[in-house]
C-alpha cells in the first residue's frame, strides 16, 4: 500500500512538473507571437508610409491590403487557438486537483479503516489473554479444591481409625 501511495505521489509530481513546463512553454510561445506581431505591424506601418509617398498603382495597394487582411485573420485564429488551449489547461488542472482531493479522501478513509482494524485486533487479543488467564485460574482453583478434599478424606479416615481404636 505504501509503495502504491509513493508511486502515485511520484506520478502526480511528475504530472504537475510536466504541466508547469507546458504552461511555461505556452507563455513563451505567446510572448514570441506577440513580439512577432508587433514587429510585423511596425513593418507594415513602414510599408504604408513608404507606399503612400511613392507613386505605386492602386492594384498593388489592394493586394497588400488583402494579404494584410489574411495575416490579421491568421493572427486572430492563432489567438483563438491559444485561448482554447489555455482553457483546456485550466480544465485539466481543475480535474487533476479534484482527482488529487478524491485520492486523499480515499487514503484518509483507508487509514481510518486500518486503524480501526488494528484496534479491534488488539481488543480481541486482549480478550483472548483475559479468557486464558481466567481459565488457568479456574483450573488451579479446581486442583487445589481436589487436593484439599483428598487431604480431608485421608484425615477423616485417620480420625475414624483412631476413634475405632479408642472405642475398642
Protein backbone atom coordinates (compact mmCIF):
# COMPACT_ATOMS: atom_id res chain seq x y z
CA UNK A 1 0.00 0.00 0.00
CA UNK A 2 2.81 2.40 0.90
CA UNK A 3 4.60 1.53 -2.32
CA UNK A 4 1.45 2.25 -4.28
CA UNK A 5 0.98 5.57 -2.50
CA UNK A 6 4.60 6.54 -3.14
CA UNK A 7 4.25 5.62 -6.80
CA UNK A 8 1.05 7.66 -7.10
CA UNK A 9 2.78 10.57 -5.40
CA UNK A 10 5.72 10.34 -7.83
CA UNK A 11 3.38 10.19 -10.81
CA UNK A 12 1.41 13.14 -9.51
CA UNK A 13 4.55 15.22 -9.02
CA UNK A 14 5.78 14.29 -12.48
CA UNK A 15 2.43 15.25 -13.97
CA UNK A 16 2.48 18.59 -12.14
CA UNK A 17 6.03 19.23 -13.33
CA UNK A 18 5.07 18.49 -16.94
CA UNK A 19 2.01 20.71 -16.57
CA UNK A 20 4.11 23.63 -15.34
CA UNK A 21 6.61 23.07 -18.10
CA UNK A 22 3.89 23.10 -20.76
CA UNK A 23 2.42 26.27 -19.26
CA UNK A 24 5.82 27.96 -19.36
CA UNK A 25 6.21 26.85 -22.96
CA UNK A 26 2.76 28.26 -23.81
CA UNK A 27 3.63 31.60 -22.21
CA UNK A 28 6.91 31.69 -24.07
CA UNK A 29 5.19 30.94 -27.38
CA UNK A 30 2.55 33.59 -26.73
CA UNK A 31 5.18 36.22 -25.94
CA UNK A 32 7.11 35.21 -29.04
CA UNK A 33 3.97 35.55 -31.16
CA UNK A 34 3.18 38.94 -29.65
CA UNK A 35 6.70 40.16 -30.41
CA UNK A 36 6.41 38.81 -33.93
CA UNK A 37 3.04 40.51 -34.35
CA UNK A 38 4.38 43.85 -33.16
CA UNK A 39 7.36 43.54 -35.47
CA UNK A 40 5.09 42.82 -38.42
CA UNK A 41 2.85 45.76 -37.52
CA UNK A 42 5.84 48.07 -37.39
CA UNK A 43 6.98 46.66 -40.72
CA UNK A 44 3.52 47.17 -42.22
CA UNK A 45 3.36 50.75 -40.92
CA UNK A 46 6.73 51.36 -42.53
CA UNK A 47 5.43 49.93 -45.82
CA UNK A 48 2.25 52.01 -45.66
CA UNK A 49 4.16 55.24 -45.18
CA UNK A 50 6.60 54.40 -47.97
CA UNK A 51 3.85 53.28 -50.35
CA UNK A 52 1.83 56.43 -49.75
CA UNK A 53 4.82 58.61 -50.60
CA UNK A 54 5.71 56.60 -53.70
CA UNK A 55 3.52 56.56 -56.75
CA UNK A 56 2.50 52.89 -56.75
CA UNK A 57 -0.59 51.67 -58.52
CA UNK A 58 -3.86 51.08 -56.68
CA UNK A 59 -3.78 47.37 -57.58
CA UNK A 60 -0.56 46.88 -55.59
CA UNK A 61 -2.06 48.50 -52.51
CA UNK A 62 -5.22 46.39 -52.78
CA UNK A 63 -3.09 43.22 -52.95
CA UNK A 64 -1.12 44.35 -49.90
CA UNK A 65 -4.38 45.08 -48.10
CA UNK A 66 -5.77 41.63 -48.87
CA UNK A 67 -2.55 39.98 -47.65
CA UNK A 68 -2.79 42.16 -44.50
CA UNK A 69 -6.36 41.04 -44.01
CA UNK A 70 -5.28 37.44 -44.41
CA UNK A 71 -2.49 37.95 -41.87
CA UNK A 72 -4.92 39.53 -39.40
CA UNK A 73 -7.26 36.55 -39.83
CA UNK A 74 -4.36 34.18 -39.18
CA UNK A 75 -3.40 36.10 -36.05
CA UNK A 76 -6.97 36.03 -34.80
CA UNK A 77 -7.10 32.29 -35.39
CA UNK A 78 -3.83 31.83 -33.51
CA UNK A 79 -5.09 33.86 -30.57
CA UNK A 80 -8.33 31.90 -30.54
CA UNK A 81 -6.37 28.65 -30.58
CA UNK A 82 -4.21 29.86 -27.70
CA UNK A 83 -7.33 30.79 -25.68
CA UNK A 84 -8.78 27.34 -26.31
CA UNK A 85 -5.54 25.65 -25.24
CA UNK A 86 -5.37 27.72 -22.07
CA UNK A 87 -8.95 26.85 -21.26
CA UNK A 88 -8.14 23.16 -21.74
CA UNK A 89 -5.12 23.55 -19.45
CA UNK A 90 -7.29 25.17 -16.77
CA UNK A 91 -9.84 22.39 -17.06
CA UNK A 92 -7.12 19.74 -16.86
CA UNK A 93 -5.63 21.39 -13.78
CA UNK A 94 -9.03 21.52 -12.13
CA UNK A 95 -9.64 17.84 -12.88
CA UNK A 96 -6.21 16.92 -11.51
CA UNK A 97 -6.92 18.89 -8.36
CA UNK A 98 -10.25 17.12 -7.90
CA UNK A 99 -8.66 13.72 -8.51
CA UNK A 100 -5.93 14.51 -6.00
CA UNK A 101 -8.56 15.53 -3.45
CA UNK A 102 -10.54 12.33 -4.05
CA UNK A 103 -7.36 10.26 -3.74
CA UNK A 104 -6.51 11.95 -0.45
CA UNK A 105 -10.02 11.28 0.85
CA UNK A 106 -9.70 7.62 -0.14
CA UNK A 107 -6.32 7.33 1.57
CA UNK A 108 -7.64 9.06 4.68
CA UNK A 109 -10.62 6.70 4.82
CA UNK A 110 -8.39 3.69 4.22
CA UNK A 111 -6.06 4.78 7.01
CA UNK A 112 -9.05 5.17 9.31
CA UNK A 113 -10.24 1.66 8.45
CA UNK A 114 -6.78 0.18 9.03
CA UNK A 115 -6.53 1.92 12.39
CA UNK A 116 -9.97 0.62 13.40
CA UNK A 117 -8.98 -2.90 12.29
CA UNK A 118 -5.80 -2.78 14.38
CA UNK A 119 -7.77 -1.55 17.38
CA UNK A 120 -10.27 -4.41 17.03
CA UNK A 121 -7.45 -6.92 16.64
CA UNK A 122 -5.75 -5.68 19.82
CA UNK A 123 -9.06 -5.82 21.65
CA UNK A 124 -9.60 -9.43 20.53
CA UNK A 125 -6.08 -10.42 21.60
CA UNK A 126 -6.62 -8.75 24.98
CA UNK A 127 -9.91 -10.60 25.42
CA UNK A 128 -8.25 -13.92 24.49
CA UNK A 129 -5.49 -13.38 27.05
CA UNK A 130 -8.04 -12.49 29.70
CA UNK A 131 -10.06 -15.65 28.98
CA UNK A 132 -6.95 -17.79 29.01
CA UNK A 133 -5.84 -16.33 32.35
CA UNK A 134 -9.32 -16.87 33.78
CA UNK A 135 -9.31 -20.50 32.62
CA UNK A 136 -5.90 -21.07 34.22
CA UNK A 137 -7.09 -19.56 37.50
CA UNK A 138 -10.18 -21.75 37.41
CA UNK A 139 -8.04 -24.83 36.71
CA UNK A 140 -5.71 -24.05 39.64
CA UNK A 141 -8.69 -23.50 41.93
CA UNK A 142 -10.15 -26.86 40.97
CA UNK A 143 -6.81 -28.59 41.55
CA UNK A 144 -6.45 -27.01 44.99
CA UNK A 145 -10.01 -27.96 45.80
CA UNK A 146 -9.42 -31.59 44.75
CA UNK A 147 -6.18 -31.79 46.70
CA UNK A 148 -7.90 -30.30 49.70
CA UNK A 149 -10.76 -32.79 49.53
CA UNK A 150 -8.27 -35.67 49.18
CA UNK A 151 -6.42 -34.48 52.30
CA UNK A 152 -9.72 -34.15 54.10
CA UNK A 153 -10.67 -37.67 53.10
CA UNK A 154 -7.34 -39.03 54.38
CA UNK A 155 -7.63 -37.08 57.61
CA UNK A 156 -11.20 -38.22 58.06
CA UNK A 157 -10.16 -41.84 57.55
CA UNK A 158 -7.31 -41.46 60.04
CA UNK A 159 -9.64 -39.91 62.56
CA UNK A 160 -12.17 -42.71 62.09
CA UNK A 161 -9.44 -45.26 62.54
CA UNK A 162 -8.27 -43.52 65.71
CA UNK A 163 -11.78 -43.37 67.03
CA UNK A 164 -12.30 -47.09 66.34
CA UNK A 165 -9.08 -47.93 68.19
CA UNK A 166 -10.13 -45.83 71.11
CA UNK A 167 -13.51 -47.42 71.29
CA UNK A 168 -12.12 -50.95 71.13
